[in-house]
Amino acid sequence: MTIARVRTIGTISGQTFDQASYTIAAAAGGVAAGHAILLSVTTLNGTNVISATDVAGNTYSVCANLYSSDGLRITILAALNCNALSAGQLITVTQTATAVQHYITAVAEEFSGVLAAPALDATATANSLGSTLTVGPTSPSVGSANELIFTALGAYYSDNSSSPTYAPSAPFSASGGTTNAPSAASTATTTGYLIPSPATGTYSATWNGGPGGYLTGALVTLKGEPTSTYPLGYGPAISDPHVNTLNRL
């Protein structure tokens, strides 16, 4: 099966003090059984450990995680081969520390065709101060016919004039994003993806936008389910030169 992006399931954008958990309500259409949920979370309290659960009992594993010295954290979690979620059912994001304001933002997205397990192939993380960030190259090198290259950026801007807005450069496509409304400070989480065919070597994602601020990014590659170029019930042509028909399995 070829990997495909399905939809943004939902987002979180909150600025409350001392709140340990936030919820995402699944959008119309919900999440189909067997699909993957990729959850990207940005928090300003870097000591937090991020985890997630949902009402369908899916298991969320951390694929990439980076805490920068300025206190900004980006975490990508994945739930693979999911139990179905109906529209309105909740995904809960929990952070361990609740002593300071967190400015949490998060984006949950649905993909089809991702391998059930073990899917995680390679990762990369990076951080900077400014208006551009390159995440990568990934390690180790990848090589498969079907792979999802997924990236997420967490941004923090300590001003009340505007919210951070960023996008990944080509060949990545922007997929989801959310930002806090400007106040004493703002954070944003933005995601992008690439589905190369085949996937070979290493990958990097470059983010650009503004206003300049603290940036923390992550990139993960996830293997896809095996694909077939033959119709169901058929295999490759028989090599016997006297036979010129398909070999039925």
C-alpha atoms as a PDB file:
ATOM      1  CA  MET A   1       0.000   0.000   0.000  1.00  0.00           C
ATOM      2  CA  THR A   2       1.291   3.447  -0.890  1.00  0.00           C
ATOM      3  CA  ILE A   3       1.644   5.961   1.947  1.00  0.00           C
ATOM      4  CA  ALA A   4      -0.789   8.886   1.816  1.00  0.00           C
ATOM      5  CA  ARG A   5      -1.694  11.801   4.038  1.00  0.00           C
ATOM      6  CA  VAL A   6      -5.365  11.639   5.025  1.00  0.00           C
ATOM      7  CA  ARG A   7      -6.130  14.741   7.124  1.00  0.00           C
ATOM      8  CA  THR A   8      -5.305  16.909  10.104  1.00  0.00           C
ATOM      9  CA  ILE A   9      -7.136  15.257  12.974  1.00  0.00           C
ATOM     10  CA  GLY A  10      -7.037  18.312  15.230  1.00  0.00           C
ATOM     11  CA  THR A  11      -4.859  20.827  17.056  1.00  0.00           C
ATOM     12  CA  ILE A  12      -4.092  22.261  20.494  1.00  0.00           C
ATOM     13  CA  SER A  13      -3.418  25.913  21.197  1.00  0.00           C
ATOM     14  CA  GLY A  14      -3.369  26.804  24.886  1.00  0.00           C
ATOM     15  CA  GLN A  15      -1.803  29.334  27.240  1.00  0.00           C
ATOM     16  CA  THR A  16      -3.184  28.317  30.624  1.00  0.00           C
ATOM     17  CA  PHE A  17      -1.021  28.149  33.727  1.00  0.00           C
ATOM     18  CA  ASP A  18      -0.392  24.887  35.563  1.00  0.00           C
ATOM     19  CA  GLN A  19      -2.412  22.657  33.227  1.00  0.00           C
ATOM     20  CA  ALA A  20      -1.184  19.081  32.968  1.00  0.00           C
ATOM     21  CA  SER A  21      -3.227  17.880  30.000  1.00  0.00           C
ATOM     22  CA  TYR A  22      -4.982  19.094  26.861  1.00  0.00           C
ATOM     23  CA  THR A  23      -7.322  17.307  24.451  1.00  0.00           C
ATOM     24  CA  ILE A  24      -7.775  17.074  20.696  1.00  0.00           C
ATOM     25  CA  ALA A  25     -11.224  16.128  19.397  1.00  0.00           C
ATOM     26  CA  ALA A  26     -11.021  14.076  16.196  1.00  0.00           C
ATOM     27  CA  ALA A  27     -12.322  15.973  13.173  1.00  0.00           C
ATOM     28  CA  ALA A  28     -15.142  14.827  10.903  1.00  0.00           C
ATOM     29  CA  GLY A  29     -14.266  11.435   9.487  1.00  0.00           C
ATOM     30  CA  GLY A  30     -12.349  10.403  12.597  1.00  0.00           C
ATOM     31  CA  VAL A  31      -9.369   8.084  12.155  1.00  0.00           C
ATOM     32  CA  ALA A  32      -9.634   4.826  10.211  1.00  0.00           C
ATOM     33  CA  ALA A  33      -8.550   1.525  11.736  1.00  0.00           C
ATOM     34  CA  GLY A  34      -5.044   0.513  10.675  1.00  0.00           C
ATOM     35  CA  HIS A  35      -3.894   4.056   9.938  1.00  0.00           C
ATOM     36  CA  ALA A  36      -1.133   6.005  11.736  1.00  0.00           C
ATOM     37  CA  ILE A  37      -1.495   9.078  13.938  1.00  0.00           C
ATOM     38  CA  LEU A  38       1.496  11.425  14.065  1.00  0.00           C
ATOM     39  CA  LEU A  39       1.318  13.865  16.959  1.00  0.00           C
ATOM     40  CA  SER A  40       3.687  16.857  17.109  1.00  0.00           C
ATOM     41  CA  VAL A  41       3.860  18.848  20.358  1.00  0.00           C
ATOM     42  CA  THR A  42       5.681  22.091  21.223  1.00  0.00           C
ATOM     43  CA  THR A  43       6.016  23.297  24.810  1.00  0.00           C
ATOM     44  CA  LEU A  44       7.968  26.160  26.319  1.00  0.00           C
ATOM     45  CA  ASN A  45       8.768  24.338  29.541  1.00  0.00           C
ATOM     46  CA  GLY A  46      11.597  22.113  28.319  1.00  0.00           C
ATOM     47  CA  THR A  47      11.637  19.976  31.473  1.00  0.00           C
ATOM     48  CA  ASN A  48       8.279  18.494  30.506  1.00  0.00           C
ATOM     49  CA  VAL A  49       7.972  14.897  29.375  1.00  0.00           C
ATOM     50  CA  ILE A  50       5.207  14.619  26.765  1.00  0.00           C
ATOM     51  CA  SER A  51       2.919  11.595  26.468  1.00  0.00           C
ATOM     52  CA  ALA A  52      -0.428  10.855  24.823  1.00  0.00           C
ATOM     53  CA  THR A  53      -3.403   8.520  25.084  1.00  0.00           C
ATOM     54  CA  ASP A  54      -6.796   8.256  23.414  1.00  0.00           C
ATOM     55  CA  VAL A  55     -10.180   6.704  24.071  1.00  0.00           C
ATOM     56  CA  ALA A  56      -9.537   3.889  21.567  1.00  0.00           C
ATOM     57  CA  GLY A  57      -6.574   2.592  23.580  1.00  0.00           C
ATOM     58  CA  ASN A  58      -3.905   3.362  20.978  1.00  0.00           C
ATOM     59  CA  THR A  59      -0.252   3.399  22.081  1.00  0.00           C
ATOM     60  CA  TYR A  60       1.746   6.563  21.353  1.00  0.00           C
ATOM     61  CA  SER A  61       5.532   6.173  21.181  1.00  0.00           C
ATOM     62  CA  VAL A  62       8.072   8.990  21.068  1.00  0.00           C
ATOM     63  CA  CYS A  63       9.865   9.017  17.700  1.00  0.00           C
ATOM     64  CA  ALA A  64      11.908  12.201  18.167  1.00  0.00           C
ATOM     65  CA  ASN A  65      12.373  14.651  20.990  1.00  0.00           C
ATOM     66  CA  LEU A  66      14.594  17.723  21.468  1.00  0.00           C
ATOM     67  CA  TYR A  67      14.899  20.160  24.348  1.00  0.00           C
ATOM     68  CA  SER A  68      16.898  23.288  23.521  1.00  0.00           C
ATOM     69  CA  SER A  69      18.774  25.439  26.024  1.00  0.00           C
ATOM     70  CA  ASP A  70      16.194  28.226  25.677  1.00  0.00           C
ATOM     71  CA  GLY A  71      13.506  25.932  27.116  1.00  0.00           C
ATOM     72  CA  LEU A  72      11.689  25.063  23.885  1.00  0.00           C
ATOM     73  CA  ARG A  73      10.815  21.388  23.326  1.00  0.00           C
ATOM     74  CA  ILE A  74       9.528  19.610  20.212  1.00  0.00           C
ATOM     75  CA  THR A  75       8.238  16.024  20.444  1.00  0.00           C
ATOM     76  CA  ILE A  76       6.919  13.772  17.667  1.00  0.00           C
ATOM     77  CA  LEU A  77       4.863  10.777  18.827  1.00  0.00           C
ATOM     78  CA  ALA A  78       3.341   8.075  16.644  1.00  0.00           C
ATOM     79  CA  ALA A  79       0.464   5.639  17.122  1.00  0.00           C
ATOM     80  CA  LEU A  80       0.694   2.925  14.463  1.00  0.00           C
ATOM     81  CA  ASN A  81      -1.894   0.456  13.176  1.00  0.00           C
ATOM     82  CA  CYS A  82      -4.511   2.412  15.112  1.00  0.00           C
ATOM     83  CA  ASN A  83      -7.812   1.364  16.507  1.00  0.00           C
ATOM     84  CA  ALA A  84     -10.450   3.566  14.895  1.00  0.00           C
ATOM     85  CA  LEU A  85     -11.425   6.932  16.376  1.00  0.00           C
ATOM     86  CA  SER A  86     -14.840   8.401  15.646  1.00  0.00           C
ATOM     87  CA  ALA A  87     -15.364  12.103  15.042  1.00  0.00           C
ATOM     88  CA  GLY A  88     -15.324  13.939  18.360  1.00  0.00           C
ATOM     89  CA  GLN A  89     -13.433  11.266  20.273  1.00  0.00           C
ATOM     90  CA  LEU A  90     -10.485  12.588  22.248  1.00  0.00           C
ATOM     91  CA  ILE A  91      -6.717  12.355  22.105  1.00  0.00           C
ATOM     92  CA  THR A  92      -5.183  13.539  25.399  1.00  0.00           C
ATOM     93  CA  VAL A  93      -1.722  15.126  25.526  1.00  0.00           C
ATOM     94  CA  THR A  94      -0.113  15.149  28.976  1.00  0.00           C
ATOM     95  CA  GLN A  95       2.957  16.981  30.266  1.00  0.00           C
ATOM     96  CA  THR A  96       4.645  16.093  33.532  1.00  0.00           C
ATOM     97  CA  ALA A  97       5.596  19.567  34.817  1.00  0.00           C
ATOM     98  CA  THR A  98       2.891  22.076  35.735  1.00  0.00           C
ATOM     99  CA  ALA A  99       4.803  24.791  37.620  1.00  0.00           C
ATOM    100  CA  VAL A 100       5.068  27.391  34.862  1.00  0.00           C
ATOM    101  CA  GLN A 101       3.116  28.635  31.864  1.00  0.00           C
ATOM    102  CA  HIS A 102       3.687  26.300  28.947  1.00  0.00           C
ATOM    103  CA  TYR A 103       2.304  27.919  25.792  1.00  0.00           C
ATOM    104  CA  ILE A 104       1.623  24.453  24.409  1.00  0.00           C
ATOM    105  CA  THR A 105       0.690  23.876  20.770  1.00  0.00           C
ATOM    106  CA  ALA A 106       0.166  20.548  19.024  1.00  0.00           C
ATOM    107  CA  VAL A 107      -0.951  19.047  15.715  1.00  0.00           C
ATOM    108  CA  ALA A 108      -2.300  15.508  15.178  1.00  0.00           C
ATOM    109  CA  GLU A 109      -2.322  14.067  11.655  1.00  0.00           C
ATOM    110  CA  GLU A 110      -3.504  10.864  10.005  1.00  0.00           C
ATOM    111  CA  PHE A 111      -1.567   8.855   7.407  1.00  0.00           C
ATOM    112  CA  SER A 112      -2.405   5.594   5.654  1.00  0.00           C
ATOM    113  CA  GLY A 113       0.032   2.963   4.428  1.00  0.00           C
ATOM    114  CA  VAL A 114       2.558   3.252   7.289  1.00  0.00           C
ATOM    115  CA  LEU A 115       4.026  -0.060   8.465  1.00  0.00           C
ATOM    116  CA  ALA A 116       2.510  -1.331  11.704  1.00  0.00           C
ATOM    117  CA  ALA A 117       5.904  -2.101  13.308  1.00  0.00           C
ATOM    118  CA  PRO A 118       8.778  -1.535  13.384  1.00  0.00           C
ATOM    119  CA  ALA A 119       8.173   1.588  11.288  1.00  0.00           C
ATOM    120  CA  LEU A 120      10.689   4.123  12.623  1.00  0.00           C
ATOM    121  CA  ASP A 121      13.710   4.161  10.318  1.00  0.00           C
ATOM    122  CA  ALA A 122      15.765   7.341  10.896  1.00  0.00           C
ATOM    123  CA  THR A 123      15.636  10.622  12.836  1.00  0.00           C
ATOM    124  CA  ALA A 124      17.186  14.075  13.054  1.00  0.00           C
ATOM    125  CA  THR A 125      16.764  17.076  15.379  1.00  0.00           C
ATOM    126  CA  ALA A 126      18.104  20.643  15.392  1.00  0.00           C
ATOM    127  CA  ASN A 127      17.559  24.051  16.966  1.00  0.00           C
ATOM    128  CA  SER A 128      18.540  27.648  16.257  1.00  0.00           C
ATOM    129  CA  LEU A 129      17.740  31.289  16.901  1.00  0.00           C
ATOM    130  CA  GLY A 130      16.515  33.203  13.868  1.00  0.00           C
ATOM    131  CA  SER A 131      14.064  32.796  10.995  1.00  0.00           C
ATOM    132  CA  THR A 132      15.403  29.628   9.339  1.00  0.00           C
ATOM    133  CA  LEU A 133      16.280  26.134  10.524  1.00  0.00           C
ATOM    134  CA  THR A 134      17.574  23.051   8.712  1.00  0.00           C
ATOM    135  CA  VAL A 135      16.788  19.723  10.372  1.00  0.00           C
ATOM    136  CA  GLY A 136      18.984  16.877   9.182  1.00  0.00           C
ATOM    137  CA  PRO A 137      20.504  14.987   7.610  1.00  0.00           C
ATOM    138  CA  THR A 138      18.770  11.951   9.037  1.00  0.00           C
ATOM    139  CA  SER A 139      20.688   9.068  10.543  1.00  0.00           C
ATOM    140  CA  PRO A 140      21.031   6.289   9.591  1.00  0.00           C
ATOM    141  CA  SER A 141      20.722   6.353   5.802  1.00  0.00           C
ATOM    142  CA  VAL A 142      17.417   4.913   4.558  1.00  0.00           C
ATOM    143  CA  GLY A 143      16.632   2.710   1.608  1.00  0.00           C
ATOM    144  CA  SER A 144      13.131   1.462   0.866  1.00  0.00           C
ATOM    145  CA  ALA A 145      10.512   1.598  -1.841  1.00  0.00           C
ATOM    146  CA  ASN A 146       7.902   3.230   0.369  1.00  0.00           C
ATOM    147  CA  GLU A 147       8.683   5.683   3.168  1.00  0.00           C
ATOM    148  CA  LEU A 148       7.172   8.697   4.929  1.00  0.00           C
ATOM    149  CA  ILE A 149       9.533  11.587   5.699  1.00  0.00           C
ATOM    150  CA  PHE A 150       7.790  13.692   8.359  1.00  0.00           C
ATOM    151  CA  THR A 151       9.011  16.903   9.980  1.00  0.00           C
ATOM    152  CA  ALA A 152       7.748  19.203  12.721  1.00  0.00           C
ATOM    153  CA  LEU A 153       8.885  22.642  13.861  1.00  0.00           C
ATOM    154  CA  GLY A 154       8.323  24.293  17.210  1.00  0.00           C
ATOM    155  CA  ALA A 155       8.737  28.079  17.291  1.00  0.00           C
ATOM    156  CA  TYR A 156       8.747  30.573  20.161  1.00  0.00           C
ATOM    157  CA  TYR A 157       8.489  34.344  19.808  1.00  0.00           C
ATOM    158  CA  SER A 158       8.701  36.478  22.965  1.00  0.00           C
ATOM    159  CA  ASP A 159       6.626  39.412  21.773  1.00  0.00           C
ATOM    160  CA  ASN A 160       2.938  40.238  21.691  1.00  0.00           C
ATOM    161  CA  SER A 161       2.879  41.765  18.207  1.00  0.00           C
ATOM    162  CA  SER A 162       2.445  38.643  16.079  1.00  0.00           C
ATOM    163  CA  SER A 163       2.475  34.844  16.098  1.00  0.00           C
ATOM    164  CA  PRO A 164       5.235  32.731  14.541  1.00  0.00           C
ATOM    165  CA  THR A 165       4.476  31.502  11.014  1.00  0.00           C
ATOM    166  CA  TYR A 166       6.782  28.988   9.312  1.00  0.00           C
ATOM    167  CA  ALA A 167       6.678  26.549   6.376  1.00  0.00           C
ATOM    168  CA  PRO A 168       8.976  23.794   5.088  1.00  0.00           C
ATOM    169  CA  SER A 169      10.831  24.397   1.821  1.00  0.00           C
ATOM    170  CA  ALA A 170      10.267  22.207  -1.255  1.00  0.00           C
ATOM    171  CA  PRO A 171      10.193  19.309  -1.850  1.00  0.00           C
ATOM    172  CA  PHE A 172       8.316  19.064   1.467  1.00  0.00           C
ATOM    173  CA  SER A 173       4.606  19.871   1.571  1.00  0.00           C
ATOM    174  CA  ALA A 174       3.131  21.754   4.520  1.00  0.00           C
ATOM    175  CA  SER A 175       0.508  19.653   6.263  1.00  0.00           C
ATOM    176  CA  GLY A 176      -0.731  21.060   9.549  1.00  0.00           C
ATOM    177  CA  GLY A 177      -0.143  23.922  11.921  1.00  0.00           C
ATOM    178  CA  THR A 178      -1.399  25.929  14.878  1.00  0.00           C
ATOM    179  CA  THR A 179      -0.252  28.905  16.907  1.00  0.00           C
ATOM    180  CA  ASN A 180      -1.193  30.648  20.122  1.00  0.00           C
ATOM    181  CA  ALA A 181      -2.834  34.036  19.759  1.00  0.00           C
ATOM    182  CA  PRO A 182      -0.238  36.754  20.443  1.00  0.00           C
ATOM    183  CA  SER A 183       0.099  37.694  24.116  1.00  0.00           C
ATOM    184  CA  ALA A 184       3.149  37.950  26.325  1.00  0.00           C
ATOM    185  CA  ALA A 185       4.660  35.185  24.205  1.00  0.00           C
ATOM    186  CA  SER A 186       3.611  32.853  21.411  1.00  0.00           C
ATOM    187  CA  THR A 187       4.499  29.336  20.301  1.00  0.00           C
ATOM    188  CA  ALA A 188       3.610  27.525  17.096  1.00  0.00           C
ATOM    189  CA  THR A 189       3.744  23.944  15.866  1.00  0.00           C
ATOM    190  CA  THR A 190       3.927  23.377  12.110  1.00  0.00           C
ATOM    191  CA  THR A 191       4.372  20.115  10.209  1.00  0.00           C
ATOM    192  CA  GLY A 192       5.391  18.960   6.759  1.00  0.00           C
ATOM    193  CA  TYR A 193       5.876  15.716   4.869  1.00  0.00           C
ATOM    194  CA  LEU A 194       7.527  14.103   1.865  1.00  0.00           C
ATOM    195  CA  ILE A 195       6.761  10.690   0.324  1.00  0.00           C
ATOM    196  CA  PRO A 196       9.665   9.842  -2.007  1.00  0.00           C
ATOM    197  CA  SER A 197       9.525   6.758  -4.210  1.00  0.00           C
ATOM    198  CA  PRO A 198      11.916   5.139  -3.694  1.00  0.00           C
ATOM    199  CA  ALA A 199      13.377   6.569  -0.479  1.00  0.00           C
ATOM    200  CA  THR A 200      17.172   6.389  -0.492  1.00  0.00           C
ATOM    201  CA  GLY A 201      20.006   8.080   1.388  1.00  0.00           C
ATOM    202  CA  THR A 202      19.535  10.835   3.965  1.00  0.00           C
ATOM    203  CA  TYR A 203      16.951  13.607   4.247  1.00  0.00           C
ATOM    204  CA  SER A 204      16.891  17.167   5.578  1.00  0.00           C
ATOM    205  CA  ALA A 205      14.075  19.679   5.954  1.00  0.00           C
ATOM    206  CA  THR A 206      14.607  23.439   5.825  1.00  0.00           C
ATOM    207  CA  TRP A 207      12.095  25.718   7.541  1.00  0.00           C
ATOM    208  CA  ASN A 208      11.653  29.423   6.820  1.00  0.00           C
ATOM    209  CA  GLY A 209       9.333  32.073   8.210  1.00  0.00           C
ATOM    210  CA  GLY A 210       9.088  34.638  10.926  1.00  0.00           C
ATOM    211  CA  PRO A 211       9.221  36.658  12.959  1.00  0.00           C
ATOM    212  CA  GLY A 212      12.657  35.408  14.014  1.00  0.00           C
ATOM    213  CA  GLY A 213      12.774  33.589  17.309  1.00  0.00           C
ATOM    214  CA  TYR A 214      13.718  30.321  18.951  1.00  0.00           C
ATOM    215  CA  LEU A 215      13.248  27.305  16.691  1.00  0.00           C
ATOM    216  CA  THR A 216      13.376  23.587  17.523  1.00  0.00           C
ATOM    217  CA  GLY A 217      12.762  20.955  14.855  1.00  0.00           C
ATOM    218  CA  ALA A 218      12.568  17.212  14.382  1.00  0.00           C
ATOM    219  CA  LEU A 219      12.425  14.885  11.380  1.00  0.00           C
ATOM    220  CA  VAL A 220      11.509  11.187  11.326  1.00  0.00           C
ATOM    221  CA  THR A 221      11.268   8.609   8.556  1.00  0.00           C
ATOM    222  CA  LEU A 222       8.687   5.826   8.813  1.00  0.00           C
ATOM    223  CA  LYS A 223       8.612   2.716   6.652  1.00  0.00           C
ATOM    224  CA  GLY A 224       5.576   1.978   4.553  1.00  0.00           C
ATOM    225  CA  GLU A 225       3.673  -1.239   4.085  1.00  0.00           C
ATOM    226  CA  PRO A 226       4.957  -3.527   1.310  1.00  0.00           C
ATOM    227  CA  THR A 227       3.715  -2.621  -2.143  1.00  0.00           C
ATOM    228  CA  SER A 228       3.014  -4.884  -5.128  1.00  0.00           C
ATOM    229  CA  THR A 229       3.060  -4.059  -8.801  1.00  0.00           C
ATOM    230  CA  TYR A 230       0.961  -7.087  -9.720  1.00  0.00           C
ATOM    231  CA  PRO A 231      -2.815  -7.568  -9.573  1.00  0.00           C
ATOM    232  CA  LEU A 232      -4.138  -9.572  -6.657  1.00  0.00           C
ATOM    233  CA  GLY A 233      -3.700 -13.279  -7.390  1.00  0.00           C
ATOM    234  CA  TYR A 234      -0.893 -12.811  -9.920  1.00  0.00           C
ATOM    235  CA  GLY A 235       2.889 -12.838  -9.771  1.00  0.00           C
ATOM    236  CA  PRO A 236       5.609 -11.964 -12.275  1.00  0.00           C
ATOM    237  CA  ALA A 237       5.648 -13.409 -15.768  1.00  0.00           C
ATOM    238  CA  ILE A 238       7.069 -16.933 -16.064  1.00  0.00           C
ATOM    239  CA  SER A 239      10.639 -16.925 -17.341  1.00  0.00           C
ATOM    240  CA  ASP A 240      10.161 -20.070 -19.471  1.00  0.00           C
ATOM    241  CA  PRO A 241      10.386 -18.793 -23.100  1.00  0.00           C
ATOM    242  CA  HIS A 242       7.810 -21.398 -24.160  1.00  0.00           C
ATOM    243  CA  VAL A 243       5.213 -19.922 -21.822  1.00  0.00           C
ATOM    244  CA  ASN A 244       3.916 -16.411 -22.412  1.00  0.00           C
ATOM    245  CA  THR A 245       1.280 -16.108 -19.715  1.00  0.00           C
ATOM    246  CA  LEU A 246       1.196 -14.753 -16.202  1.00  0.00           C
ATOM    247  CA  ASN A 247       1.887 -17.148 -13.400  1.00  0.00           C
ATOM    248  CA  ARG A 248      -1.213 -17.363 -11.261  1.00  0.00           C
ATOM    249  CA  LEU A 249      -0.316 -17.805  -7.582  1.00  0.00           C
END
